[in-house]
Amino acid sequence: MYQISYAENLQDNSTACRDRERLAMDHALDLLENARNKGASSIACIEALSYLCRLWTLLMEDLANPDNDLPEVLRADLLSVGIWILKETDAIQKGTSDNLVGLIEICTLIRDGLK
């Protein structure tokens, strides 16, 4: 009978979580690209920003959890990125920014780091 060790199970769960996070970020990037093509005042933009806010809120909640296994400095850096993303999405929604390209670039970097 084959038994998976606890460490192997944790590694599998960690890999599966990163895969899900990467897929969620891919979806956010698809929505943001569509929003960029249709404009900052489009329904597509509203949908993209709403999804991005929900995604980063969940990611930030996980990063703030003391049980998160990432190094503390990395967690703090990612939380800072998340705060910037939430502020930028708010500015776009208020019409004081149209920086969809910046959101796309940062989310692409984060997504690529999940590989």
PDB file of N, CA and C in Angstrom:
ATOM      1  N   MET A   1       0.839  -1.169   0.000  1.00  0.00           N
ATOM      2  CA  MET A   1       0.000   0.000   0.000  1.00  0.00           C
ATOM      3  C   MET A   1       0.894   1.247   0.000  1.00  0.00           C
ATOM      4  N   TYR A   2       0.594   2.171  -0.887  1.00  0.00           N
ATOM      5  CA  TYR A   2       1.373   3.399  -1.016  1.00  0.00           C
ATOM      6  C   TYR A   2       0.759   4.484  -0.158  1.00  0.00           C
ATOM      7  N   GLN A   3       1.581   5.133   0.643  1.00  0.00           N
ATOM      8  CA  GLN A   3       1.107   6.245   1.452  1.00  0.00           C
ATOM      9  C   GLN A   3       1.916   7.479   1.105  1.00  0.00           C
ATOM     10  N   ILE A   4       1.221   8.575   0.893  1.00  0.00           N
ATOM     11  CA  ILE A   4       1.878   9.842   0.607  1.00  0.00           C
ATOM     12  C   ILE A   4       2.325  10.450   1.926  1.00  0.00           C
ATOM     13  N   SER A   5       3.580  10.858   1.964  1.00  0.00           N
ATOM     14  CA  SER A   5       4.072  11.497   3.180  1.00  0.00           C
ATOM     15  C   SER A   5       3.420  12.857   3.349  1.00  0.00           C
ATOM     16  N   TYR A   6       3.453  13.344   4.560  1.00  0.00           N
ATOM     17  CA  TYR A   6       2.880  14.649   4.863  1.00  0.00           C
ATOM     18  C   TYR A   6       3.562  15.732   4.038  1.00  0.00           C
ATOM     19  N   ALA A   7       4.880  15.669   3.911  1.00  0.00           N
ATOM     20  CA  ALA A   7       5.628  16.670   3.142  1.00  0.00           C
ATOM     21  C   ALA A   7       5.236  16.638   1.668  1.00  0.00           C
ATOM     22  N   GLU A   8       5.057  15.444   1.117  1.00  0.00           N
ATOM     23  CA  GLU A   8       4.640  15.339  -0.289  1.00  0.00           C
ATOM     24  C   GLU A   8       3.246  15.923  -0.481  1.00  0.00           C
ATOM     25  N   ASN A   9       2.365  15.673   0.470  1.00  0.00           N
ATOM     26  CA  ASN A   9       1.007  16.197   0.390  1.00  0.00           C
ATOM     27  C   ASN A   9       1.024  17.722   0.461  1.00  0.00           C
ATOM     28  N   LEU A  10       1.846  18.271   1.341  1.00  0.00           N
ATOM     29  CA  LEU A  10       1.954  19.727   1.428  1.00  0.00           C
ATOM     30  C   LEU A  10       2.489  20.313   0.128  1.00  0.00           C
ATOM     31  N   GLN A  11       3.491  19.655  -0.473  1.00  0.00           N
ATOM     32  CA  GLN A  11       4.062  20.139  -1.729  1.00  0.00           C
ATOM     33  C   GLN A  11       3.002  20.108  -2.826  1.00  0.00           C
ATOM     34  N   ASP A  12       2.232  19.026  -2.893  1.00  0.00           N
ATOM     35  CA  ASP A  12       1.171  18.926  -3.893  1.00  0.00           C
ATOM     36  C   ASP A  12       0.136  20.024  -3.693  1.00  0.00           C
ATOM     37  N   ASN A  13      -0.241  20.277  -2.443  1.00  0.00           N
ATOM     38  CA  ASN A  13      -1.227  21.320  -2.167  1.00  0.00           C
ATOM     39  C   ASN A  13      -0.683  22.693  -2.536  1.00  0.00           C
ATOM     40  N   SER A  14       0.585  22.926  -2.242  1.00  0.00           N
ATOM     41  CA  SER A  14       1.210  24.204  -2.579  1.00  0.00           C
ATOM     42  C   SER A  14       1.248  24.402  -4.087  1.00  0.00           C
ATOM     43  N   THR A  15       1.602  23.354  -4.809  1.00  0.00           N
ATOM     44  CA  THR A  15       1.643  23.423  -6.275  1.00  0.00           C
ATOM     45  C   THR A  15       0.254  23.661  -6.837  1.00  0.00           C
ATOM     46  N   ALA A  16      -0.738  22.965  -6.304  1.00  0.00           N
ATOM     47  CA  ALA A  16      -2.119  23.133  -6.767  1.00  0.00           C
ATOM     48  C   ALA A  16      -2.615  24.551  -6.485  1.00  0.00           C
ATOM     49  N   CYS A  17      -2.249  25.094  -5.338  1.00  0.00           N
ATOM     50  CA  CYS A  17      -2.650  26.481  -5.005  1.00  0.00           C
ATOM     51  C   CYS A  17      -2.020  27.459  -5.978  1.00  0.00           C
ATOM     52  N   ARG A  18      -0.728  27.301  -6.263  1.00  0.00           N
ATOM     53  CA  ARG A  18      -0.065  28.201  -7.218  1.00  0.00           C
ATOM     54  C   ARG A  18      -0.703  28.083  -8.594  1.00  0.00           C
ATOM     55  N   ASP A  19      -1.064  26.856  -8.983  1.00  0.00           N
ATOM     56  CA  ASP A  19      -1.719  26.662 -10.285  1.00  0.00           C
ATOM     57  C   ASP A  19      -3.055  27.393 -10.336  1.00  0.00           C
ATOM     58  N   ARG A  20      -3.833  27.298  -9.263  1.00  0.00           N
ATOM     59  CA  ARG A  20      -5.121  27.993  -9.218  1.00  0.00           C
ATOM     60  C   ARG A  20      -4.921  29.511  -9.227  1.00  0.00           C
ATOM     61  N   GLU A  21      -3.929  29.980  -8.479  1.00  0.00           N
ATOM     62  CA  GLU A  21      -3.653  31.418  -8.461  1.00  0.00           C
ATOM     63  C   GLU A  21      -3.220  31.901  -9.844  1.00  0.00           C
ATOM     64  N   ARG A  22      -2.410  31.099 -10.533  1.00  0.00           N
ATOM     65  CA  ARG A  22      -1.964  31.466 -11.879  1.00  0.00           C
ATOM     66  C   ARG A  22      -3.146  31.508 -12.843  1.00  0.00           C
ATOM     67  N   LEU A  23      -4.045  30.537 -12.744  1.00  0.00           N
ATOM     68  CA  LEU A  23      -5.234  30.536 -13.600  1.00  0.00           C
ATOM     69  C   LEU A  23      -6.119  31.746 -13.315  1.00  0.00           C
ATOM     70  N   ALA A  24      -6.277  32.088 -12.052  1.00  0.00           N
ATOM     71  CA  ALA A  24      -7.082  33.257 -11.685  1.00  0.00           C
ATOM     72  C   ALA A  24      -6.434  34.533 -12.216  1.00  0.00           C
ATOM     73  N   MET A  25      -5.118  34.610 -12.141  1.00  0.00           N
ATOM     74  CA  MET A  25      -4.420  35.788 -12.656  1.00  0.00           C
ATOM     75  C   MET A  25      -4.503  35.824 -14.187  1.00  0.00           C
ATOM     76  N   ASP A  26      -4.429  34.661 -14.849  1.00  0.00           N
ATOM     77  CA  ASP A  26      -4.611  34.612 -16.306  1.00  0.00           C
ATOM     78  C   ASP A  26      -5.979  35.172 -16.688  1.00  0.00           C
ATOM     79  N   HIS A  27      -7.002  34.780 -15.935  1.00  0.00           N
ATOM     80  CA  HIS A  27      -8.350  35.265 -16.220  1.00  0.00           C
ATOM     81  C   HIS A  27      -8.425  36.786 -16.021  1.00  0.00           C
ATOM     82  N   ALA A  28      -7.815  37.273 -14.938  1.00  0.00           N
ATOM     83  CA  ALA A  28      -7.786  38.721 -14.694  1.00  0.00           C
ATOM     84  C   ALA A  28      -7.091  39.441 -15.841  1.00  0.00           C
ATOM     85  N   LEU A  29      -6.003  38.882 -16.334  1.00  0.00           N
ATOM     86  CA  LEU A  29      -5.269  39.508 -17.441  1.00  0.00           C
ATOM     87  C   LEU A  29      -6.087  39.510 -18.722  1.00  0.00           C
ATOM     88  N   ASP A  30      -6.806  38.426 -18.976  1.00  0.00           N
ATOM     89  CA  ASP A  30      -7.689  38.394 -20.153  1.00  0.00           C
ATOM     90  C   ASP A  30      -8.748  39.497 -20.061  1.00  0.00           C
ATOM     91  N   LEU A  31      -9.341  39.636 -18.875  1.00  0.00           N
ATOM     92  CA  LEU A  31     -10.354  40.676 -18.678  1.00  0.00           C
ATOM     93  C   LEU A  31      -9.755  42.072 -18.829  1.00  0.00           C
ATOM     94  N   LEU A  32      -8.551  42.276 -18.285  1.00  0.00           N
ATOM     95  CA  LEU A  32      -7.895  43.580 -18.379  1.00  0.00           C
ATOM     96  C   LEU A  32      -7.526  43.928 -19.819  1.00  0.00           C
ATOM     97  N   GLU A  33      -7.064  42.944 -20.581  1.00  0.00           N
ATOM     98  CA  GLU A  33      -6.740  43.191 -21.996  1.00  0.00           C
ATOM     99  C   GLU A  33      -7.998  43.591 -22.763  1.00  0.00           C
ATOM    100  N   ASN A  34      -9.089  42.900 -22.493  1.00  0.00           N
ATOM    101  CA  ASN A  34     -10.358  43.236 -23.135  1.00  0.00           C
ATOM    102  C   ASN A  34     -10.784  44.653 -22.739  1.00  0.00           C
ATOM    103  N   ALA A  35     -10.618  44.984 -21.467  1.00  0.00           N
ATOM    104  CA  ALA A  35     -10.968  46.325 -20.982  1.00  0.00           C
ATOM    105  C   ALA A  35     -10.090  47.386 -21.644  1.00  0.00           C
ATOM    106  N   ARG A  36      -8.808  47.082 -21.791  1.00  0.00           N
ATOM    107  CA  ARG A  36      -7.894  48.041 -22.430  1.00  0.00           C
ATOM    108  C   ARG A  36      -8.329  48.303 -23.864  1.00  0.00           C
ATOM    109  N   ASN A  37      -8.758  47.254 -24.549  1.00  0.00           N
ATOM    110  CA  ASN A  37      -9.201  47.397 -25.935  1.00  0.00           C
ATOM    111  C   ASN A  37     -10.512  48.174 -26.046  1.00  0.00           C
ATOM    112  N   LYS A  38     -11.371  48.064 -25.034  1.00  0.00           N
ATOM    113  CA  LYS A  38     -12.689  48.705 -25.099  1.00  0.00           C
ATOM    114  C   LYS A  38     -12.733  50.059 -24.404  1.00  0.00           C
ATOM    115  N   GLY A  39     -11.732  50.347 -23.571  1.00  0.00           N
ATOM    116  CA  GLY A  39     -11.678  51.654 -22.926  1.00  0.00           C
ATOM    117  C   GLY A  39     -11.999  51.615 -21.443  1.00  0.00           C
ATOM    118  N   ALA A  40     -11.455  52.591 -20.733  1.00  0.00           N
ATOM    119  CA  ALA A  40     -11.574  52.641 -19.279  1.00  0.00           C
ATOM    120  C   ALA A  40     -12.997  52.918 -18.796  1.00  0.00           C
ATOM    121  N   SER A  41     -13.866  53.380 -19.665  1.00  0.00           N
ATOM    122  CA  SER A  41     -15.243  53.655 -19.251  1.00  0.00           C
ATOM    123  C   SER A  41     -16.221  52.578 -19.723  1.00  0.00           C
ATOM    124  N   SER A  42     -15.706  51.467 -20.225  1.00  0.00           N
ATOM    125  CA  SER A  42     -16.559  50.407 -20.765  1.00  0.00           C
ATOM    126  C   SER A  42     -17.049  49.450 -19.676  1.00  0.00           C
ATOM    127  N   ILE A  43     -18.096  48.724 -20.008  1.00  0.00           N
ATOM    128  CA  ILE A  43     -18.602  47.667 -19.121  1.00  0.00           C
ATOM    129  C   ILE A  43     -17.518  46.612 -18.920  1.00  0.00           C
ATOM    130  N   ALA A  44     -16.765  46.314 -19.961  1.00  0.00           N
ATOM    131  CA  ALA A  44     -15.673  45.340 -19.863  1.00  0.00           C
ATOM    132  C   ALA A  44     -14.665  45.780 -18.811  1.00  0.00           C
ATOM    133  N   CYS A  45     -14.414  47.069 -18.724  1.00  0.00           N
ATOM    134  CA  CYS A  45     -13.471  47.590 -17.735  1.00  0.00           C
ATOM    135  C   CYS A  45     -14.038  47.438 -16.323  1.00  0.00           C
ATOM    136  N   ILE A  46     -15.301  47.747 -16.169  1.00  0.00           N
ATOM    137  CA  ILE A  46     -15.947  47.592 -14.861  1.00  0.00           C
ATOM    138  C   ILE A  46     -15.856  46.148 -14.401  1.00  0.00           C
ATOM    139  N   GLU A  47     -16.129  45.213 -15.305  1.00  0.00           N
ATOM    140  CA  GLU A  47     -16.051  43.789 -14.968  1.00  0.00           C
ATOM    141  C   GLU A  47     -14.623  43.380 -14.623  1.00  0.00           C
ATOM    142  N   ALA A  48     -13.661  43.843 -15.398  1.00  0.00           N
ATOM    143  CA  ALA A  48     -12.260  43.494 -15.162  1.00  0.00           C
ATOM    144  C   ALA A  48     -11.781  44.018 -13.809  1.00  0.00           C
ATOM    145  N   LEU A  49     -12.104  45.272 -13.518  1.00  0.00           N
ATOM    146  CA  LEU A  49     -11.659  45.870 -12.262  1.00  0.00           C
ATOM    147  C   LEU A  49     -12.341  45.225 -11.061  1.00  0.00           C
ATOM    148  N   SER A  50     -13.595  44.876 -11.212  1.00  0.00           N
ATOM    149  CA  SER A  50     -14.316  44.198 -10.141  1.00  0.00           C
ATOM    150  C   SER A  50     -13.675  42.840  -9.837  1.00  0.00           C
ATOM    151  N   TYR A  51     -13.386  42.087 -10.890  1.00  0.00           N
ATOM    152  CA  TYR A  51     -12.744  40.784 -10.707  1.00  0.00           C
ATOM    153  C   TYR A  51     -11.364  40.959 -10.079  1.00  0.00           C
ATOM    154  N   LEU A  52     -10.595  41.917 -10.577  1.00  0.00           N
ATOM    155  CA  LEU A  52      -9.244  42.143 -10.076  1.00  0.00           C
ATOM    156  C   LEU A  52      -9.270  42.517  -8.591  1.00  0.00           C
ATOM    157  N   CYS A  53     -10.207  43.360  -8.191  1.00  0.00           N
ATOM    158  CA  CYS A  53     -10.331  43.731  -6.776  1.00  0.00           C
ATOM    159  C   CYS A  53     -10.665  42.526  -5.908  1.00  0.00           C
ATOM    160  N   ARG A  54     -11.602  41.724  -6.360  1.00  0.00           N
ATOM    161  CA  ARG A  54     -11.962  40.525  -5.590  1.00  0.00           C
ATOM    162  C   ARG A  54     -10.779  39.573  -5.485  1.00  0.00           C
ATOM    163  N   LEU A  55     -10.063  39.373  -6.598  1.00  0.00           N
ATOM    164  CA  LEU A  55      -8.912  38.471  -6.605  1.00  0.00           C
ATOM    165  C   LEU A  55      -7.834  38.961  -5.635  1.00  0.00           C
ATOM    166  N   TRP A  56      -7.466  40.248  -5.737  1.00  0.00           N
ATOM    167  CA  TRP A  56      -6.397  40.764  -4.886  1.00  0.00           C
ATOM    168  C   TRP A  56      -6.830  40.862  -3.428  1.00  0.00           C
ATOM    169  N   THR A  57      -8.094  41.067  -3.170  1.00  0.00           N
ATOM    170  CA  THR A  57      -8.563  41.054  -1.782  1.00  0.00           C
ATOM    171  C   THR A  57      -8.356  39.672  -1.176  1.00  0.00           C
ATOM    172  N   LEU A  58      -8.701  38.638  -1.931  1.00  0.00           N
ATOM    173  CA  LEU A  58      -8.492  37.268  -1.449  1.00  0.00           C
ATOM    174  C   LEU A  58      -7.005  36.959  -1.283  1.00  0.00           C
ATOM    175  N   LEU A  59      -6.198  37.362  -2.262  1.00  0.00           N
ATOM    176  CA  LEU A  59      -4.756  37.118  -2.166  1.00  0.00           C
ATOM    177  C   LEU A  59      -4.165  37.834  -0.955  1.00  0.00           C
ATOM    178  N   MET A  60      -4.595  39.065  -0.728  1.00  0.00           N
ATOM    179  CA  MET A  60      -4.065  39.828   0.398  1.00  0.00           C
ATOM    180  C   MET A  60      -4.501  39.237   1.740  1.00  0.00           C
ATOM    181  N   GLU A  61      -5.715  38.720   1.807  1.00  0.00           N
ATOM    182  CA  GLU A  61      -6.152  38.044   3.033  1.00  0.00           C
ATOM    183  C   GLU A  61      -5.269  36.837   3.314  1.00  0.00           C
ATOM    184  N   ASP A  62      -4.943  36.086   2.273  1.00  0.00           N
ATOM    185  CA  ASP A  62      -4.073  34.924   2.434  1.00  0.00           C
ATOM    186  C   ASP A  62      -2.657  35.359   2.824  1.00  0.00           C
ATOM    187  N   LEU A  63      -2.156  36.409   2.195  1.00  0.00           N
ATOM    188  CA  LEU A  63      -0.810  36.891   2.513  1.00  0.00           C
ATOM    189  C   LEU A  63      -0.716  37.406   3.948  1.00  0.00           C
ATOM    190  N   ALA A  64      -1.787  37.963   4.473  1.00  0.00           N
ATOM    191  CA  ALA A  64      -1.797  38.492   5.835  1.00  0.00           C
ATOM    192  C   ALA A  64      -1.955  37.402   6.895  1.00  0.00           C
ATOM    193  N   ASN A  65      -2.319  36.220   6.465  1.00  0.00           N
ATOM    194  CA  ASN A  65      -2.509  35.104   7.387  1.00  0.00           C
ATOM    195  C   ASN A  65      -1.155  34.643   7.921  1.00  0.00           C
ATOM    196  N   PRO A  66      -0.982  34.566   9.244  1.00  0.00           N
ATOM    197  CA  PRO A  66       0.304  34.145   9.805  1.00  0.00           C
ATOM    198  C   PRO A  66       0.698  32.718   9.424  1.00  0.00           C
ATOM    199  N   ASP A  67      -0.262  31.909   9.001  1.00  0.00           N
ATOM    200  CA  ASP A  67       0.031  30.538   8.593  1.00  0.00           C
ATOM    201  C   ASP A  67       0.557  30.452   7.164  1.00  0.00           C
ATOM    202  N   ASN A  68       0.585  31.569   6.441  1.00  0.00           N
ATOM    203  CA  ASN A  68       1.107  31.585   5.081  1.00  0.00           C
ATOM    204  C   ASN A  68       2.598  31.251   5.134  1.00  0.00           C
ATOM    205  N   ASP A  69       3.030  30.313   4.290  1.00  0.00           N
ATOM    206  CA  ASP A  69       4.405  29.813   4.336  1.00  0.00           C
ATOM    207  C   ASP A  69       5.417  30.656   3.574  1.00  0.00           C
ATOM    208  N   LEU A  70       4.973  31.678   2.867  1.00  0.00           N
ATOM    209  CA  LEU A  70       5.928  32.515   2.145  1.00  0.00           C
ATOM    210  C   LEU A  70       6.788  33.293   3.134  1.00  0.00           C
ATOM    211  N   PRO A  71       8.006  33.611   2.738  1.00  0.00           N
ATOM    212  CA  PRO A  71       8.857  34.437   3.608  1.00  0.00           C
ATOM    213  C   PRO A  71       8.171  35.771   3.910  1.00  0.00           C
ATOM    214  N   GLU A  72       8.386  36.267   5.111  1.00  0.00           N
ATOM    215  CA  GLU A  72       7.699  37.478   5.570  1.00  0.00           C
ATOM    216  C   GLU A  72       7.964  38.682   4.664  1.00  0.00           C
ATOM    217  N   VAL A  73       9.196  38.829   4.201  1.00  0.00           N
ATOM    218  CA  VAL A  73       9.534  39.969   3.341  1.00  0.00           C
ATOM    219  C   VAL A  73       8.766  39.879   2.018  1.00  0.00           C
ATOM    220  N   LEU A  74       8.679  38.695   1.440  1.00  0.00           N
ATOM    221  CA  LEU A  74       7.936  38.512   0.187  1.00  0.00           C
ATOM    222  C   LEU A  74       6.454  38.794   0.403  1.00  0.00           C
ATOM    223  N   ARG A  75       5.927  38.302   1.516  1.00  0.00           N
ATOM    224  CA  ARG A  75       4.519  38.567   1.814  1.00  0.00           C
ATOM    225  C   ARG A  75       4.254  40.064   1.920  1.00  0.00           C
ATOM    226  N   ALA A  76       5.145  40.775   2.605  1.00  0.00           N
ATOM    227  CA  ALA A  76       4.980  42.226   2.760  1.00  0.00           C
ATOM    228  C   ALA A  76       5.067  42.925   1.411  1.00  0.00           C
ATOM    229  N   ASP A  77       5.998  42.492   0.568  1.00  0.00           N
ATOM    230  CA  ASP A  77       6.129  43.095  -0.764  1.00  0.00           C
ATOM    231  C   ASP A  77       4.871  42.861  -1.596  1.00  0.00           C
ATOM    232  N   LEU A  78       4.342  41.648  -1.551  1.00  0.00           N
ATOM    233  CA  LEU A  78       3.129  41.339  -2.314  1.00  0.00           C
ATOM    234  C   LEU A  78       1.919  42.092  -1.766  1.00  0.00           C
ATOM    235  N   LEU A  79       1.873  42.267  -0.457  1.00  0.00           N
ATOM    236  CA  LEU A  79       0.789  43.074   0.120  1.00  0.00           C
ATOM    237  C   LEU A  79       0.874  44.514  -0.377  1.00  0.00           C
ATOM    238  N   SER A  80       2.089  45.045  -0.486  1.00  0.00           N
ATOM    239  CA  SER A  80       2.266  46.398  -1.019  1.00  0.00           C
ATOM    240  C   SER A  80       1.792  46.484  -2.463  1.00  0.00           C
ATOM    241  N   VAL A  81       2.096  45.465  -3.243  1.00  0.00           N
ATOM    242  CA  VAL A  81       1.625  45.418  -4.630  1.00  0.00           C
ATOM    243  C   VAL A  81       0.098  45.394  -4.649  1.00  0.00           C
ATOM    244  N   GLY A  82      -0.486  44.568  -3.790  1.00  0.00           N
ATOM    245  CA  GLY A  82      -1.938  44.475  -3.718  1.00  0.00           C
ATOM    246  C   GLY A  82      -2.587  45.798  -3.351  1.00  0.00           C
ATOM    247  N   ILE A  83      -1.996  46.505  -2.423  1.00  0.00           N
ATOM    248  CA  ILE A  83      -2.527  47.824  -2.038  1.00  0.00           C
ATOM    249  C   ILE A  83      -2.467  48.780  -3.226  1.00  0.00           C
ATOM    250  N   TRP A  84      -1.343  48.766  -3.959  1.00  0.00           N
ATOM    251  CA  TRP A  84      -1.228  49.636  -5.133  1.00  0.00           C
ATOM    252  C   TRP A  84      -2.289  49.278  -6.171  1.00  0.00           C
ATOM    253  N   ILE A  85      -2.493  47.978  -6.395  1.00  0.00           N
ATOM    254  CA  ILE A  85      -3.484  47.544  -7.386  1.00  0.00           C
ATOM    255  C   ILE A  85      -4.881  48.010  -6.978  1.00  0.00           C
ATOM    256  N   LEU A  86      -5.227  47.854  -5.713  1.00  0.00           N
ATOM    257  CA  LEU A  86      -6.550  48.291  -5.260  1.00  0.00           C
ATOM    258  C   LEU A  86      -6.709  49.805  -5.388  1.00  0.00           C
ATOM    259  N   LYS A  87      -5.666  50.560  -5.070  1.00  0.00           N
ATOM    260  CA  LYS A  87      -5.730  52.023  -5.221  1.00  0.00           C
ATOM    261  C   LYS A  87      -5.854  52.415  -6.690  1.00  0.00           C
ATOM    262  N   GLU A  88      -5.113  51.729  -7.550  1.00  0.00           N
ATOM    263  CA  GLU A  88      -5.148  52.053  -8.980  1.00  0.00           C
ATOM    264  C   GLU A  88      -6.499  51.695  -9.588  1.00  0.00           C
ATOM    265  N   THR A  89      -7.074  50.565  -9.199  1.00  0.00           N
ATOM    266  CA  THR A  89      -8.398  50.208  -9.724  1.00  0.00           C
ATOM    267  C   THR A  89      -9.434  51.228  -9.263  1.00  0.00           C
ATOM    268  N   ASP A  90      -9.307  51.690  -8.025  1.00  0.00           N
ATOM    269  CA  ASP A  90     -10.222  52.710  -7.518  1.00  0.00           C
ATOM    270  C   ASP A  90     -10.085  54.006  -8.325  1.00  0.00           C
ATOM    271  N   ALA A  91      -8.854  54.390  -8.624  1.00  0.00           N
ATOM    272  CA  ALA A  91      -8.625  55.613  -9.409  1.00  0.00           C
ATOM    273  C   ALA A  91      -9.207  55.479 -10.818  1.00  0.00           C
ATOM    274  N   ILE A  92      -9.076  54.308 -11.409  1.00  0.00           N
ATOM    275  CA  ILE A  92      -9.640  54.093 -12.751  1.00  0.00           C
ATOM    276  C   ILE A  92     -11.164  54.166 -12.685  1.00  0.00           C
ATOM    277  N   GLN A  93     -11.743  53.553 -11.661  1.00  0.00           N
ATOM    278  CA  GLN A  93     -13.193  53.584 -11.508  1.00  0.00           C
ATOM    279  C   GLN A  93     -13.710  55.004 -11.291  1.00  0.00           C
ATOM    280  N   LYS A  94     -12.921  55.835 -10.622  1.00  0.00           N
ATOM    281  CA  LYS A  94     -13.321  57.234 -10.375  1.00  0.00           C
ATOM    282  C   LYS A  94     -13.036  58.139 -11.566  1.00  0.00           C
ATOM    283  N   GLY A  95     -12.323  57.616 -12.560  1.00  0.00           N
ATOM    284  CA  GLY A  95     -12.003  58.404 -13.740  1.00  0.00           C
ATOM    285  C   GLY A  95     -10.785  59.288 -13.587  1.00  0.00           C
ATOM    286  N   THR A  96     -10.016  59.116 -12.515  1.00  0.00           N
ATOM    287  CA  THR A  96      -8.816  59.928 -12.317  1.00  0.00           C
ATOM    288  C   THR A  96      -7.562  59.255 -12.861  1.00  0.00           C
ATOM    289  N   SER A  97      -7.716  58.057 -13.405  1.00  0.00           N
ATOM    290  CA  SER A  97      -6.606  57.329 -14.020  1.00  0.00           C
ATOM    291  C   SER A  97      -7.172  56.439 -15.121  1.00  0.00           C
ATOM    292  N   ASP A  98      -6.324  56.093 -16.068  1.00  0.00           N
ATOM    293  CA  ASP A  98      -6.704  55.107 -17.082  1.00  0.00           C
ATOM    294  C   ASP A  98      -5.556  54.103 -17.256  1.00  0.00           C
ATOM    295  N   ASN A  99      -4.868  53.827 -16.161  1.00  0.00           N
ATOM    296  CA  ASN A  99      -3.645  53.042 -16.159  1.00  0.00           C
ATOM    297  C   ASN A  99      -3.889  51.530 -16.221  1.00  0.00           C
ATOM    298  N   LEU A 100      -4.669  51.101 -17.189  1.00  0.00           N
ATOM    299  CA  LEU A 100      -4.882  49.663 -17.362  1.00  0.00           C
ATOM    300  C   LEU A 100      -3.589  48.957 -17.756  1.00  0.00           C
ATOM    301  N   VAL A 101      -2.750  49.635 -18.519  1.00  0.00           N
ATOM    302  CA  VAL A 101      -1.479  49.038 -18.944  1.00  0.00           C
ATOM    303  C   VAL A 101      -0.605  48.724 -17.730  1.00  0.00           C
ATOM    304  N   GLY A 102      -0.566  49.644 -16.769  1.00  0.00           N
ATOM    305  CA  GLY A 102       0.207  49.402 -15.552  1.00  0.00           C
ATOM    306  C   GLY A 102      -0.304  48.197 -14.781  1.00  0.00           C
ATOM    307  N   LEU A 103      -1.633  48.085 -14.673  1.00  0.00           N
ATOM    308  CA  LEU A 103      -2.218  46.919 -13.999  1.00  0.00           C
ATOM    309  C   LEU A 103      -1.860  45.635 -14.734  1.00  0.00           C
ATOM    310  N   ILE A 104      -1.922  45.668 -16.041  1.00  0.00           N
ATOM    311  CA  ILE A 104      -1.592  44.489 -16.846  1.00  0.00           C
ATOM    312  C   ILE A 104      -0.132  44.098 -16.643  1.00  0.00           C
ATOM    313  N   GLU A 105       0.751  45.087 -16.666  1.00  0.00           N
ATOM    314  CA  GLU A 105       2.183  44.792 -16.506  1.00  0.00           C
ATOM    315  C   GLU A 105       2.485  44.180 -15.146  1.00  0.00           C
ATOM    316  N   ILE A 106       1.943  44.756 -14.088  1.00  0.00           N
ATOM    317  CA  ILE A 106       2.209  44.253 -12.737  1.00  0.00           C
ATOM    318  C   ILE A 106       1.597  42.861 -12.555  1.00  0.00           C
ATOM    319  N   CYS A 107       0.368  42.683 -13.001  1.00  0.00           N
ATOM    320  CA  CYS A 107      -0.278  41.370 -12.858  1.00  0.00           C
ATOM    321  C   CYS A 107       0.442  40.305 -13.684  1.00  0.00           C
ATOM    322  N   THR A 108       0.991  40.695 -14.826  1.00  0.00           N
ATOM    323  CA  THR A 108       1.762  39.753 -15.636  1.00  0.00           C
ATOM    324  C   THR A 108       3.018  39.318 -14.885  1.00  0.00           C
ATOM    325  N   LEU A 109       3.703  40.251 -14.265  1.00  0.00           N
ATOM    326  CA  LEU A 109       4.898  39.919 -13.480  1.00  0.00           C
ATOM    327  C   LEU A 109       4.556  38.984 -12.330  1.00  0.00           C
ATOM    328  N   ILE A 110       3.476  39.264 -11.644  1.00  0.00           N
ATOM    329  CA  ILE A 110       3.063  38.414 -10.521  1.00  0.00           C
ATOM    330  C   ILE A 110       2.680  37.032 -11.031  1.00  0.00           C
ATOM    331  N   ARG A 111       1.897  36.986 -12.094  1.00  0.00           N
ATOM    332  CA  ARG A 111       1.504  35.699 -12.673  1.00  0.00           C
ATOM    333  C   ARG A 111       2.718  34.880 -13.088  1.00  0.00           C
ATOM    334  N   ASP A 112       3.678  35.518 -13.748  1.00  0.00           N
ATOM    335  CA  ASP A 112       4.870  34.806 -14.187  1.00  0.00           C
ATOM    336  C   ASP A 112       5.689  34.304 -13.005  1.00  0.00           C
ATOM    337  N   GLY A 113       5.628  34.984 -11.889  1.00  0.00           N
ATOM    338  CA  GLY A 113       6.334  34.534 -10.688  1.00  0.00           C
ATOM    339  C   GLY A 113       5.702  33.328 -10.036  1.00  0.00           C
ATOM    340  N   LEU A 114       4.483  33.003 -10.412  1.00  0.00           N
ATOM    341  CA  LEU A 114       3.796  31.840  -9.834  1.00  0.00           C
ATOM    342  C   LEU A 114       4.172  30.536 -10.513  1.00  0.00           C
ATOM    343  N   LYS A 115       4.997  30.590 -11.540  1.00  0.00           N
ATOM    344  CA  LYS A 115       5.378  29.372 -12.264  1.00  0.00           C
ATOM    345  C   LYS A 115       6.413  28.583 -11.532  1.00  0.00           C
TER     346      LYS A 115
END
